[in-house]
Protein backbone atom coordinates (compact mmCIF):
# COMPACT_ATOMS: atom_id res chain seq x y z
CA MET A 1 -97.20 -53.04 166.69
CA ASP A 2 -100.24 -51.79 164.84
CA ALA A 3 -99.87 -50.42 161.28
CA PRO A 4 -99.57 -46.62 161.07
CA VAL A 5 -102.72 -44.65 160.29
CA ARG A 6 -102.80 -42.18 157.41
CA MET A 7 -102.53 -38.73 158.80
CA HIS A 8 -102.85 -35.09 157.66
CA VAL A 9 -100.49 -32.77 159.59
CA LEU A 10 -100.83 -29.00 159.21
CA TRP A 11 -97.73 -26.94 160.02
CA PHE A 12 -97.70 -23.14 160.38
CA PRO A 13 -94.06 -21.97 160.03
CA ASP A 14 -92.82 -19.45 162.59
CA TRP A 15 -96.07 -19.64 164.50
CA PRO A 16 -94.65 -18.07 167.71
CA LEU A 17 -93.83 -14.99 165.67
CA ARG A 18 -97.26 -14.92 164.11
CA ALA A 19 -98.78 -15.11 167.64
CA ALA A 20 -96.48 -12.40 169.04
CA LEU A 21 -96.75 -9.98 166.12
CA GLY A 22 -100.45 -10.59 165.34
CA ALA A 23 -99.96 -10.46 161.58
CA ALA A 24 -99.13 -12.74 158.66
CA PRO A 25 -95.62 -12.81 157.11
CA PRO A 26 -93.54 -11.05 155.92
CA HIS A 27 -92.35 -9.66 159.25
CA PRO A 28 -89.62 -7.15 159.99
CA PRO A 29 -86.39 -8.59 161.48
CA THR A 30 -87.64 -9.89 164.84
CA ALA A 31 -86.60 -12.55 167.26
CA LEU A 32 -88.27 -14.12 170.31
CA VAL A 33 -86.03 -14.67 173.27
CA HIS A 34 -86.38 -16.87 176.38
CA GLY A 35 -83.67 -17.18 178.99
CA GLY A 36 -81.25 -15.13 176.85
CA VAL A 37 -81.55 -17.56 173.91
CA VAL A 38 -83.30 -16.97 170.56
CA THR A 39 -86.29 -19.39 170.32
CA ALA A 40 -87.79 -18.09 167.02
CA CYS A 41 -86.77 -15.57 164.39
CA THR A 42 -88.27 -14.21 161.15
CA GLU A 43 -87.04 -14.98 157.67
CA SER A 44 -85.79 -11.37 157.34
CA ALA A 45 -83.67 -11.97 160.50
CA ARG A 46 -82.36 -15.28 159.20
CA GLU A 47 -81.15 -13.60 156.13
CA HIS A 48 -78.69 -11.64 158.33
CA GLY A 49 -77.38 -14.70 160.14
CA VAL A 50 -79.72 -14.84 163.15
CA ARG A 51 -80.52 -18.45 164.09
CA VAL A 52 -82.63 -20.24 166.67
CA GLY A 53 -80.49 -21.27 169.61
CA GLN A 54 -78.13 -18.25 169.44
CA ARG A 55 -77.42 -16.28 172.53
CA ARG A 56 -79.10 -12.87 172.60
CA ARG A 57 -75.88 -10.93 172.33
CA LEU A 58 -74.64 -12.94 169.35
CA ALA A 59 -77.93 -12.32 167.52
CA GLN A 60 -77.68 -8.61 168.18
CA SER A 61 -74.13 -8.57 166.86
CA ARG A 62 -75.34 -10.12 163.59
CA LEU A 63 -78.09 -7.54 163.23
CA PRO A 64 -77.93 -4.51 165.60
CA SER A 65 -81.41 -3.33 164.51
CA LEU A 66 -82.97 -6.69 165.41
CA ARG A 67 -86.20 -6.30 167.34
CA MET A 68 -86.28 -8.71 170.31
CA LEU A 69 -89.41 -9.71 172.22
CA PRO A 70 -89.94 -12.10 175.13
CA HIS A 71 -91.36 -15.49 174.10
CA ASP A 72 -94.73 -16.14 175.76
CA THR A 73 -95.67 -19.80 175.17
CA ALA A 74 -99.14 -19.23 176.67
CA GLN A 75 -99.75 -16.54 174.02
CA ASP A 76 -98.80 -19.12 171.30
CA GLU A 77 -101.53 -21.47 172.58
CA ARG A 78 -104.15 -18.71 172.88
CA ALA A 79 -103.47 -17.47 169.38
CA PHE A 80 -103.76 -20.99 167.91
CA LEU A 81 -107.14 -21.79 169.43
CA PRO A 82 -109.13 -19.97 166.69
CA VAL A 83 -107.18 -21.88 164.05
CA LEU A 84 -108.04 -25.17 165.71
CA ARG A 85 -111.70 -24.22 165.82
CA LEU A 86 -111.62 -23.37 162.11
CA ILE A 87 -110.04 -26.65 161.27
CA ASP A 88 -112.45 -28.53 163.51
CA GLU A 89 -115.49 -26.89 161.81
CA ASN A 90 -114.35 -28.32 158.39
CA ALA A 91 -112.57 -31.53 159.52
CA PRO A 92 -113.80 -32.79 162.92
CA GLY A 93 -111.34 -34.57 165.16
CA VAL A 94 -108.30 -32.30 164.90
CA GLN A 95 -105.60 -32.76 167.56
CA LEU A 96 -103.24 -30.08 168.85
CA LEU A 97 -99.68 -31.38 168.79
CA ARG A 98 -98.27 -28.04 169.82
CA PRO A 99 -99.01 -24.41 168.96
CA GLY A 100 -98.59 -24.13 165.16
CA LEU A 101 -98.87 -27.90 164.55
CA ALA A 102 -102.15 -29.91 164.26
CA ALA A 103 -103.00 -33.41 163.09
CA LEU A 104 -106.15 -35.25 161.97
CA ARG A 105 -106.93 -38.64 160.49
CA SER A 106 -106.89 -38.66 156.70
CA ARG A 107 -109.70 -41.19 156.10
CA GLY A 108 -112.84 -39.08 156.62
CA ILE A 109 -111.68 -35.82 154.99
CA SER A 110 -110.07 -37.64 152.11
CA ARG A 111 -113.30 -39.49 151.31
CA TYR A 112 -115.21 -36.23 151.44
CA HIS A 113 -112.97 -34.36 149.11
CA GLY A 114 -112.09 -37.28 146.81
CA GLY A 115 -108.51 -37.90 147.71
CA GLU A 116 -105.71 -37.06 150.19
CA GLU A 117 -104.12 -34.31 148.08
CA SER A 118 -107.54 -32.79 147.32
CA ALA A 119 -108.33 -32.76 151.04
CA ALA A 120 -105.03 -31.05 151.78
CA THR A 121 -105.69 -28.46 149.08
CA ALA A 122 -109.17 -27.78 150.45
CA LEU A 123 -107.81 -27.26 153.97
CA ARG A 124 -105.20 -24.86 152.72
CA GLU A 125 -107.77 -22.82 150.83
CA ILE A 126 -110.05 -22.58 153.86
CA LEU A 127 -107.19 -21.42 156.02
CA ALA A 128 -105.93 -19.01 153.40
CA GLU A 129 -109.32 -17.29 153.29
CA ALA A 130 -109.01 -16.80 157.04
CA GLY A 131 -105.52 -15.21 156.69
CA TYR A 132 -103.36 -18.28 157.28
CA ALA A 133 -101.93 -18.73 153.73
CA GLU A 134 -98.50 -19.84 155.02
CA VAL A 135 -99.77 -23.28 156.21
CA ARG A 136 -98.05 -26.45 154.82
CA VAL A 137 -99.67 -29.87 154.83
CA GLY A 138 -98.03 -33.24 154.98
CA VAL A 139 -99.82 -36.58 154.41
CA ALA A 140 -98.18 -39.83 155.35
CA ASP A 141 -98.28 -43.01 157.43
CA GLY A 142 -98.26 -41.72 161.04
CA VAL A 143 -97.87 -38.32 162.65
CA PHE A 144 -94.06 -38.31 162.71
CA THR A 145 -93.64 -38.91 158.96
CA ALA A 146 -96.49 -36.57 158.07
CA GLU A 147 -94.92 -33.74 160.15
CA LEU A 148 -91.58 -34.13 158.38
CA ALA A 149 -93.36 -34.16 155.04
CA ALA A 150 -95.12 -30.93 155.91
CA ARG A 151 -91.84 -29.33 156.93
CA GLY A 152 -90.29 -30.38 153.61
CA ALA A 153 -93.16 -29.08 151.49
CA ALA A 154 -91.54 -25.73 150.81
CA ASP A 155 -92.86 -24.68 147.37
CA ALA A 156 -95.78 -27.00 146.75
CA LYS A 157 -97.14 -26.32 150.26
CA CYS A 158 -98.33 -29.91 150.27
CA ALA A 159 -96.49 -33.24 150.30
CA VAL A 160 -98.12 -36.66 150.09
CA ILE A 161 -96.02 -39.71 150.93
CA PRO A 162 -97.67 -42.79 149.40
CA THR A 163 -98.81 -45.64 151.66
CA GLY A 164 -95.89 -47.90 152.58
CA GLN A 165 -93.21 -45.43 151.48
CA ALA A 166 -92.60 -43.81 154.89
CA ARG A 167 -89.35 -45.69 155.50
CA ALA A 168 -87.92 -44.78 152.12
CA PHE A 169 -88.85 -41.09 152.67
CA LEU A 170 -87.27 -40.98 156.13
CA ALA A 171 -84.08 -42.89 155.22
CA PRO A 172 -81.93 -39.93 154.01
CA LEU A 173 -82.99 -37.55 156.84
CA PRO A 174 -80.50 -36.67 159.55
CA LEU A 175 -80.80 -38.08 163.06
CA ALA A 176 -81.46 -34.56 164.39
CA VAL A 177 -85.12 -34.77 163.29
CA LEU A 178 -85.72 -37.24 166.17
CA GLY A 179 -85.12 -34.45 168.68
CA GLU A 180 -82.77 -36.55 170.83
CA PRO A 181 -79.27 -34.92 170.73
CA GLU A 182 -77.63 -37.45 173.08
CA LEU A 183 -78.83 -40.48 171.06
CA ALA A 184 -77.88 -38.78 167.78
CA ASP A 185 -74.39 -37.98 169.06
CA LEU A 186 -73.87 -41.59 170.21
CA LEU A 187 -75.10 -43.00 166.87
CA ARG A 188 -72.86 -40.65 164.93
CA ARG A 189 -69.87 -41.94 166.91
CA LEU A 190 -70.92 -45.43 165.82
CA GLY A 191 -70.86 -44.33 162.17
CA ILE A 192 -74.62 -43.86 161.81
CA SER A 193 -75.76 -40.42 160.58
CA THR A 194 -79.21 -40.92 159.02
CA LEU A 195 -82.60 -42.41 159.99
CA GLY A 196 -82.07 -45.10 157.34
CA GLY A 197 -78.86 -46.22 159.08
CA PHE A 198 -80.62 -46.29 162.45
CA ALA A 199 -83.59 -48.17 161.00
CA ALA A 200 -81.25 -50.86 159.61
CA LEU A 201 -80.23 -51.94 163.13
CA GLU A 202 -81.91 -54.97 164.63
CA ALA A 203 -84.92 -54.01 166.75
CA VAL A 204 -84.01 -56.45 169.51
CA ALA A 205 -80.46 -55.03 169.77
CA VAL A 206 -81.75 -51.49 169.92
CA ARG A 207 -84.24 -52.37 172.68
CA GLU A 208 -81.53 -54.11 174.74
CA ARG A 209 -79.09 -51.19 174.31
CA PHE A 210 -81.44 -48.15 174.50
CA GLY A 211 -84.48 -49.43 176.32
CA GLU A 212 -88.13 -48.77 175.46
CA HIS A 213 -87.51 -45.15 174.54
CA GLY A 214 -84.80 -46.16 172.08
CA ALA A 215 -87.07 -48.83 170.62
CA ARG A 216 -89.79 -46.15 170.15
CA LEU A 217 -87.40 -43.90 168.24
CA HIS A 218 -86.23 -46.89 166.18
CA ALA A 219 -89.85 -47.57 165.17
CA LEU A 220 -90.22 -43.91 164.11
CA ALA A 221 -87.10 -44.14 161.95
CA ARG A 222 -88.59 -47.25 160.27
CA GLY A 223 -91.82 -45.38 159.53
CA ALA A 224 -93.77 -47.51 161.99
CA ASP A 225 -95.48 -44.64 163.82
CA SER A 226 -98.57 -46.18 165.46
CA ARG A 227 -99.27 -43.50 168.12
CA PRO A 228 -103.04 -43.28 168.71
CA LEU A 229 -104.58 -39.94 167.86
CA GLN A 230 -106.82 -38.52 170.52
CA PRO A 231 -109.35 -36.20 168.82
CA ARG A 232 -109.78 -32.78 170.35
CA PRO A 233 -113.22 -32.41 171.96
CA PRO A 234 -115.25 -29.52 170.54
CA ASP A 235 -115.07 -26.26 172.51
CA PRO A 236 -118.25 -24.79 173.85
CA GLN A 237 -119.18 -21.52 172.20
CA LEU A 238 -118.55 -19.09 175.01
CA ALA A 239 -118.03 -15.80 173.07
CA ARG A 240 -120.89 -13.30 172.96
CA GLU A 241 -121.31 -10.10 170.93
CA ALA A 242 -123.26 -6.89 171.32
CA ALA A 243 -124.07 -4.85 168.14
CA PHE A 244 -125.37 -1.28 168.17
CA GLU A 245 -127.51 0.15 165.38
CA THR A 246 -126.29 3.64 166.20
CA PRO A 247 -122.58 4.08 166.94
CA LEU A 248 -122.05 4.88 170.63
CA GLY A 249 -119.38 7.34 171.71
CA GLN A 250 -119.47 7.42 175.53
CA SER A 251 -117.62 4.82 177.60
CA ASP A 252 -120.28 4.75 180.36
CA GLN A 253 -123.02 4.45 177.73
CA ILE A 254 -121.31 1.45 176.04
CA ALA A 255 -120.52 -0.22 179.35
CA PHE A 256 -124.22 -0.06 180.31
CA ALA A 257 -125.17 -1.45 176.91
CA VAL A 258 -123.01 -4.54 177.28
CA ARG A 259 -124.37 -5.63 180.68
CA GLN A 260 -126.73 -8.18 179.05
CA THR A 261 -123.82 -9.47 176.96
CA THR A 262 -121.65 -10.06 180.00
CA ASP A 263 -124.52 -11.87 181.70
CA ALA A 264 -124.84 -14.08 178.61
CA VAL A 265 -121.15 -14.96 178.82
CA MET A 266 -121.56 -15.92 182.46
CA LEU A 267 -124.54 -18.15 181.61
CA ALA A 268 -122.58 -19.88 178.84
CA LEU A 269 -119.76 -20.52 181.24
CA ALA A 270 -122.12 -21.85 183.91
CA ASP A 271 -123.66 -24.25 181.36
CA ALA A 272 -120.14 -25.58 180.61
CA SER A 273 -119.37 -25.76 184.36
CA ALA A 274 -116.43 -23.43 183.81
CA VAL A 275 -115.16 -20.06 184.92
CA CYS A 276 -113.13 -17.51 182.94
CA THR A 277 -109.71 -16.48 184.02
CA GLU A 278 -108.66 -14.69 180.83
CA VAL A 279 -110.84 -12.81 178.34
CA ARG A 280 -110.34 -10.94 175.05
CA ILE A 281 -112.48 -7.91 174.35
CA ASP A 282 -112.82 -6.72 170.76
CA LEU A 283 -114.16 -3.23 170.07
CA THR A 284 -115.27 -2.43 166.53
CA ASP A 285 -115.64 1.22 165.52
CA ASP A 286 -117.87 2.73 162.77
CA ASP A 287 -114.88 2.57 160.34
CA GLY A 288 -114.63 -1.19 160.76
CA ALA A 289 -111.39 -1.08 162.75
CA VAL A 290 -111.10 -3.65 165.58
CA PHE A 291 -109.33 -2.82 168.83
CA SER A 292 -108.50 -5.95 170.84
CA ARG A 293 -107.06 -6.48 174.30
CA THR A 294 -106.67 -9.50 176.53
CA TRP A 295 -107.41 -9.17 180.27
CA LEU A 296 -106.46 -11.47 183.14
CA HIS A 297 -108.08 -11.99 186.51
CA PRO A 298 -106.36 -13.15 189.76
CA THR A 299 -109.21 -15.62 190.37
CA CYS A 300 -112.16 -15.58 187.86
CA PHE A 301 -114.36 -12.96 186.21
CA ASP A 302 -117.93 -12.21 187.06
CA ALA A 303 -120.30 -10.06 185.04
CA GLY A 304 -119.34 -6.85 186.83
CA ASP A 305 -115.67 -7.49 186.26
CA LEU A 306 -116.28 -7.84 182.51
CA VAL A 307 -118.18 -4.56 182.41
CA ASP A 308 -115.27 -2.85 184.16
CA ARG A 309 -112.82 -4.22 181.61
CA VAL A 310 -114.95 -2.96 178.74
CA ARG A 311 -115.06 0.49 180.35
CA TRP A 312 -111.31 0.57 181.04
CA GLN A 313 -110.49 -0.51 177.48
CA LEU A 314 -112.74 2.23 176.09
CA GLU A 315 -111.18 4.90 178.32
CA SER A 316 -107.68 3.71 177.35
CA LEU A 317 -108.66 3.86 173.67
CA ALA A 318 -110.02 7.37 174.16
CA ALA A 319 -106.85 8.53 175.96
CA ASP A 320 -104.68 7.10 173.19
CA SER A 321 -106.76 8.71 170.44
CA ARG A 322 -106.69 12.16 172.08
CA PRO A 323 -103.31 12.58 173.78
CA GLY A 324 -102.91 15.61 176.01
CA GLU A 325 -106.62 15.98 176.95
CA ASP A 326 -108.02 15.24 180.39
CA ALA A 327 -109.94 12.05 181.10
CA ASP A 328 -113.38 13.68 180.99
CA ALA A 329 -112.73 15.29 177.58
CA ALA A 330 -111.35 12.01 176.28
CA ARG A 331 -114.43 9.95 177.16
CA ALA A 332 -116.15 10.95 173.92
CA PHE A 333 -114.36 9.28 170.96
CA ARG A 334 -115.11 7.60 167.65
CA GLY A 335 -118.32 5.62 167.58
CA ILE A 336 -118.34 1.94 168.66
CA VAL A 337 -120.78 -0.28 166.77
CA GLY A 338 -119.89 -3.68 168.30
CA VAL A 339 -118.34 -5.35 171.39
CA ARG A 340 -117.25 -8.98 171.40
CA ILE A 341 -116.38 -10.71 174.67
CA ALA A 342 -114.47 -13.96 174.15
CA PRO A 343 -113.22 -16.09 177.10
CA VAL A 344 -109.62 -17.15 176.23
CA ALA A 345 -108.68 -19.29 179.24
CA VAL A 346 -111.28 -21.16 181.33
CA ASP A 347 -111.00 -23.44 184.34
CA ASP A 348 -113.23 -26.02 186.00
CA ALA A 349 -115.79 -24.21 188.14
CA ALA A 350 -115.24 -26.76 190.93
CA HIS A 351 -111.73 -25.32 191.51
CA HIS A 352 -113.24 -21.94 192.36
CA GLN A 353 -116.07 -22.93 194.70
CA PRO A 354 -115.88 -21.34 198.13
CA GLY A 355 -115.11 -23.60 201.08
CA LEU A 356 -117.66 -24.59 203.71
CA PHE A 357 -116.68 -21.64 205.85
CA GLY A 358 -115.68 -19.27 203.06
CA SER A 359 -112.40 -18.66 201.37
CA GLY A 360 -110.95 -16.55 204.16
CA THR A 361 -108.50 -13.71 203.89
CA ASP A 362 -107.58 -14.11 200.25
CA GLU A 363 -111.12 -13.70 199.05
CA ARG A 364 -111.75 -10.64 201.22
CA LEU A 365 -108.50 -9.11 200.05
CA HIS A 366 -109.41 -9.74 196.43
CA HIS A 367 -112.81 -8.10 196.76
CA ALA A 368 -111.37 -5.10 198.59
CA VAL A 369 -108.60 -4.56 196.06
CA SER A 370 -111.02 -5.00 193.12
CA ARG A 371 -113.35 -2.45 194.59
CA VAL A 372 -110.55 0.11 194.93
CA GLN A 373 -109.41 -0.67 191.33
CA THR A 374 -113.02 -0.07 190.09
CA LEU A 375 -112.93 3.35 191.73
CA LEU A 376 -109.39 4.36 190.65
CA GLY A 377 -109.20 2.70 187.25
CA HIS A 378 -107.25 -0.19 185.79
CA THR A 379 -103.82 1.16 186.70
CA GLY A 380 -104.91 2.49 190.07
CA VAL A 381 -103.77 -0.65 191.92
CA ALA A 382 -100.54 -2.44 190.99
CA THR A 383 -98.54 -5.37 192.20
CA ALA A 384 -94.74 -5.52 192.09
CA ALA A 385 -92.55 -8.27 190.64
CA LEU A 386 -88.76 -8.64 190.77
CA SER A 387 -86.85 -8.09 187.54
CA GLY A 388 -83.23 -8.19 186.46
CA GLY A 389 -81.23 -4.99 186.11
CA ARG A 390 -78.43 -2.83 187.55
CA LEU A 391 -80.32 0.25 188.61
CA LEU A 392 -82.98 -0.07 191.31
CA ALA A 393 -85.79 1.31 189.08
CA ASP A 394 -85.03 -1.41 186.52
CA ARG A 395 -85.39 -4.18 189.12
CA GLN A 396 -89.08 -3.68 189.79
CA VAL A 397 -92.04 -4.30 187.42
CA LEU A 398 -95.39 -2.79 188.40
CA THR A 399 -98.41 -4.63 186.93
CA PRO A 400 -102.06 -3.63 187.32
CA TRP A 401 -103.93 -5.89 189.68
CA GLY A 402 -105.20 -8.99 187.91
CA GLU A 403 -102.70 -8.84 185.07
CA ARG A 404 -99.90 -11.38 184.64
CA PRO A 405 -96.52 -9.75 185.19
CA VAL A 406 -94.25 -9.86 182.14
CA VAL A 407 -90.58 -9.88 183.32
CA GLU A 408 -88.33 -9.40 180.30
CA ARG A 409 -85.05 -9.47 182.33
CA ASP A 410 -84.46 -12.62 184.35
CA PRO A 411 -83.53 -11.69 187.92
CA ALA A 412 -81.68 -15.04 188.36
CA GLN A 413 -79.06 -14.04 185.74
CA PRO A 414 -75.85 -12.30 186.80
CA TRP A 415 -76.04 -8.52 186.64
CA PRO A 416 -72.49 -7.18 187.14
CA GLY A 417 -72.61 -3.77 188.79
CA SER A 418 -76.00 -4.42 190.52
CA LEU A 419 -76.36 -3.53 194.16
CA PRO A 420 -76.20 -6.51 196.61
CA ALA A 421 -78.60 -6.87 199.51
CA PRO A 422 -79.76 -5.17 201.71
CA LEU A 423 -81.55 -2.96 199.22
CA PRO A 424 -83.11 0.45 199.91
CA ALA A 425 -86.73 0.18 201.19
CA GLU A 426 -87.77 3.27 199.20
CA VAL A 427 -87.00 3.38 195.43
CA TYR A 428 -87.46 6.52 193.34
CA SER A 429 -88.75 5.99 189.83
CA PRO A 430 -87.71 8.18 188.13
CA MET A 431 -84.63 9.00 190.12
CA ARG A 432 -84.73 12.32 192.02
CA PRO A 433 -82.13 15.01 191.40
CA VAL A 434 -80.07 15.91 194.51
CA ARG A 435 -77.07 18.14 195.14
CA VAL A 436 -74.00 16.48 196.62
CA THR A 437 -70.91 18.62 197.30
CA GLY A 438 -67.70 18.51 199.21
CA ALA A 439 -66.64 20.80 202.02
CA GLU A 440 -67.54 24.48 201.51
CA GLY A 441 -69.62 23.54 198.44
CA ALA A 442 -66.77 22.14 196.37
CA ALA A 443 -67.81 20.20 193.28
CA ILE A 444 -66.99 16.48 193.34
CA SER A 445 -65.44 14.88 190.27
CA ILE A 446 -64.63 11.22 189.76
CA GLY A 447 -61.63 10.05 187.75
CA THR A 448 -61.43 7.18 185.30
CA ARG A 449 -60.03 4.90 188.03
CA GLY A 450 -62.74 5.80 190.47
CA GLU A 451 -60.73 8.34 192.50
CA ILE A 452 -62.78 11.31 193.87
CA SER A 453 -61.59 14.85 194.07
CA CYS A 454 -62.91 15.39 197.58
CA PRO A 455 -65.11 13.47 200.08
CA PRO A 456 -68.91 14.14 200.09
CA ALA A 457 -69.79 16.61 202.80
CA LEU A 458 -73.32 17.79 202.01
CA ILE A 459 -76.39 16.20 200.42
CA ASP A 460 -78.76 19.04 199.61
CA ASP A 461 -78.66 21.03 202.91
CA SER A 462 -77.92 18.12 205.22
CA GLU A 463 -74.43 17.20 206.50
CA VAL A 464 -72.97 13.88 205.42
CA ILE A 465 -71.60 12.06 208.45
CA GLY A 466 -70.71 8.78 206.68
CA TRP A 467 -70.25 7.55 203.18
CA ALA A 468 -69.04 4.59 201.06
CA GLY A 469 -68.17 4.23 197.40
CA PRO A 470 -67.79 4.87 194.58
CA TRP A 471 -68.95 1.75 192.69
CA PRO A 472 -68.98 1.98 188.91
CA VAL A 473 -72.08 1.13 186.86
CA HIS A 474 -71.85 0.69 183.06
CA GLU A 475 -74.60 -0.40 180.72
CA HIS A 476 -74.94 -0.87 176.92
CA ARG A 477 -71.54 0.50 176.03
CA TRP A 478 -71.95 -0.80 172.46
CA ASP A 479 -75.18 1.22 171.92
CA ALA A 480 -74.78 4.97 171.94
CA ALA A 481 -78.52 5.53 172.28
CA ARG A 482 -78.91 3.39 175.38
CA SER A 483 -75.39 3.79 176.86
CA ARG A 484 -75.47 4.66 180.58
CA SER A 485 -72.63 4.87 183.09
CA GLY A 486 -71.97 6.41 186.48
CA HIS A 487 -70.76 5.79 190.04
CA ARG A 488 -72.81 4.92 193.10
CA PHE A 489 -72.37 6.17 196.66
CA GLN A 490 -74.04 5.34 199.97
CA LEU A 491 -74.44 8.48 202.09
CA LEU A 492 -75.57 8.91 205.72
CA ASP A 493 -76.82 12.35 206.63
CA ALA A 494 -77.07 14.12 210.03
CA GLN A 495 -80.68 12.93 210.44
CA HIS A 496 -79.39 9.37 210.17
CA ARG A 497 -81.05 8.81 206.78
CA ALA A 498 -79.11 6.53 204.47
CA TRP A 499 -79.21 7.40 200.75
CA LEU A 500 -78.18 5.55 197.62
CA VAL A 501 -77.06 8.15 195.07
CA LEU A 502 -75.66 7.95 191.47
CA HIS A 503 -73.21 10.37 189.94
CA SER A 504 -73.63 10.34 186.16
CA ASP A 505 -72.67 12.96 183.50
CA GLY A 506 -71.81 15.49 186.12
CA ALA A 507 -75.17 15.31 187.91
CA TRP A 508 -76.26 13.60 191.13
CA TRP A 509 -79.38 11.46 191.41
CA ALA A 510 -81.03 9.75 194.39
CA GLU A 511 -81.93 6.12 193.46
CA GLY A 512 -83.41 5.23 196.84
CA ARG A 513 -83.38 5.64 200.56
CA TYR A 514 -82.81 3.19 203.34
CA ARG A 515 -85.13 3.14 206.34
């Protein structure tokens, strides 16, 4: 096995939170959740007992005011790309290990700055100037040891493990740092609890017992990390900017002014044989404030699509800055002095070339829907996605055409009290108020055990000829602000229309209608 190469590893603590919140620490108590499990949490949340790996409900019980956000791993990668470019500009050859963790060979940058620690300090200063002061740097033989050194560099922000000292540094560390729970559990049952104990085993015996994967982990424990580093190829410069000498205040005026900029973006993509599937648009006003938004596309952007996104973002900004005014009055807003269009996600252009006889129905559908969206606005055309929930309105997520749906509630999870199939074909959001009474207009009350005072006889002015229920629905009983409870009924009126209604707090609501 080749000798390990000296490596610099840069670690950005709590990077998923930095990517989600868009700001440097300190952060308010916040946790990222995926599949009902906490995947990341801020230092202020950890002070109250919130930990990675906790179930969502347990984390909320530790801190009821905890802010919870869905964890988007794609967002982690997108937010880390500018950091990689900054590192690559000052130390070419950086490799992305995962979002928030990057590595590069020590030899070149150490020679340039006169030493490994001086190089680490220089990188930290460059990143701090760009707003990433929380970075920690580890220098050691191999990526594995350097990463653990970076994670242990709490106060100094930089840790250098001398050449040949990797095994001694790793020896007291627990087996959990290998990231193999099953192997760690087996070794603990054999009386081995540290990397030093694992490294003391005979390499031949480890290979015979655990195979090639176990032999690889054994080499890591001994500090013999010889994984080759594949440098990250430089990214083509695809972003383009438009600057205005005089601040512009009309959305149509600005959209017209950026047409040449969008054409320049398309030319840069064509030179790189790529297409853009996700783009970030930054608007800078005359006060220096920057308003950013990321846009997705179901296939890939062309110049006209980019112009539409600029216009929609401007109109959204105008509506937010002047609530209560109509769209025409809101078109004039604070002056914009610059627009930056930066492709975030690109794909090989060959994957988007039309076939010999065209792309068929999907392409025609996309062009038709995009044309309607251009006429009606960004939210004028939406697609539906299934979400988790108990009420029908909670089980659908409407997303503007071209955007990636964000489903915060997993529909595959159990939802006690949710309505089984078949579901109503028409769902009311928000629910519609209706009047349901018994015979001769008698009010209907429901007891604590689900008993009703009298059968439903009328829904609005139509006779009820069949009914079923009630079925209780209870949500967030532990939270007075979000608590919601009621009883569901299915009603069939004289016109043979089937309704799903909810009785809650003495009022009746129509959730949906069967067809």
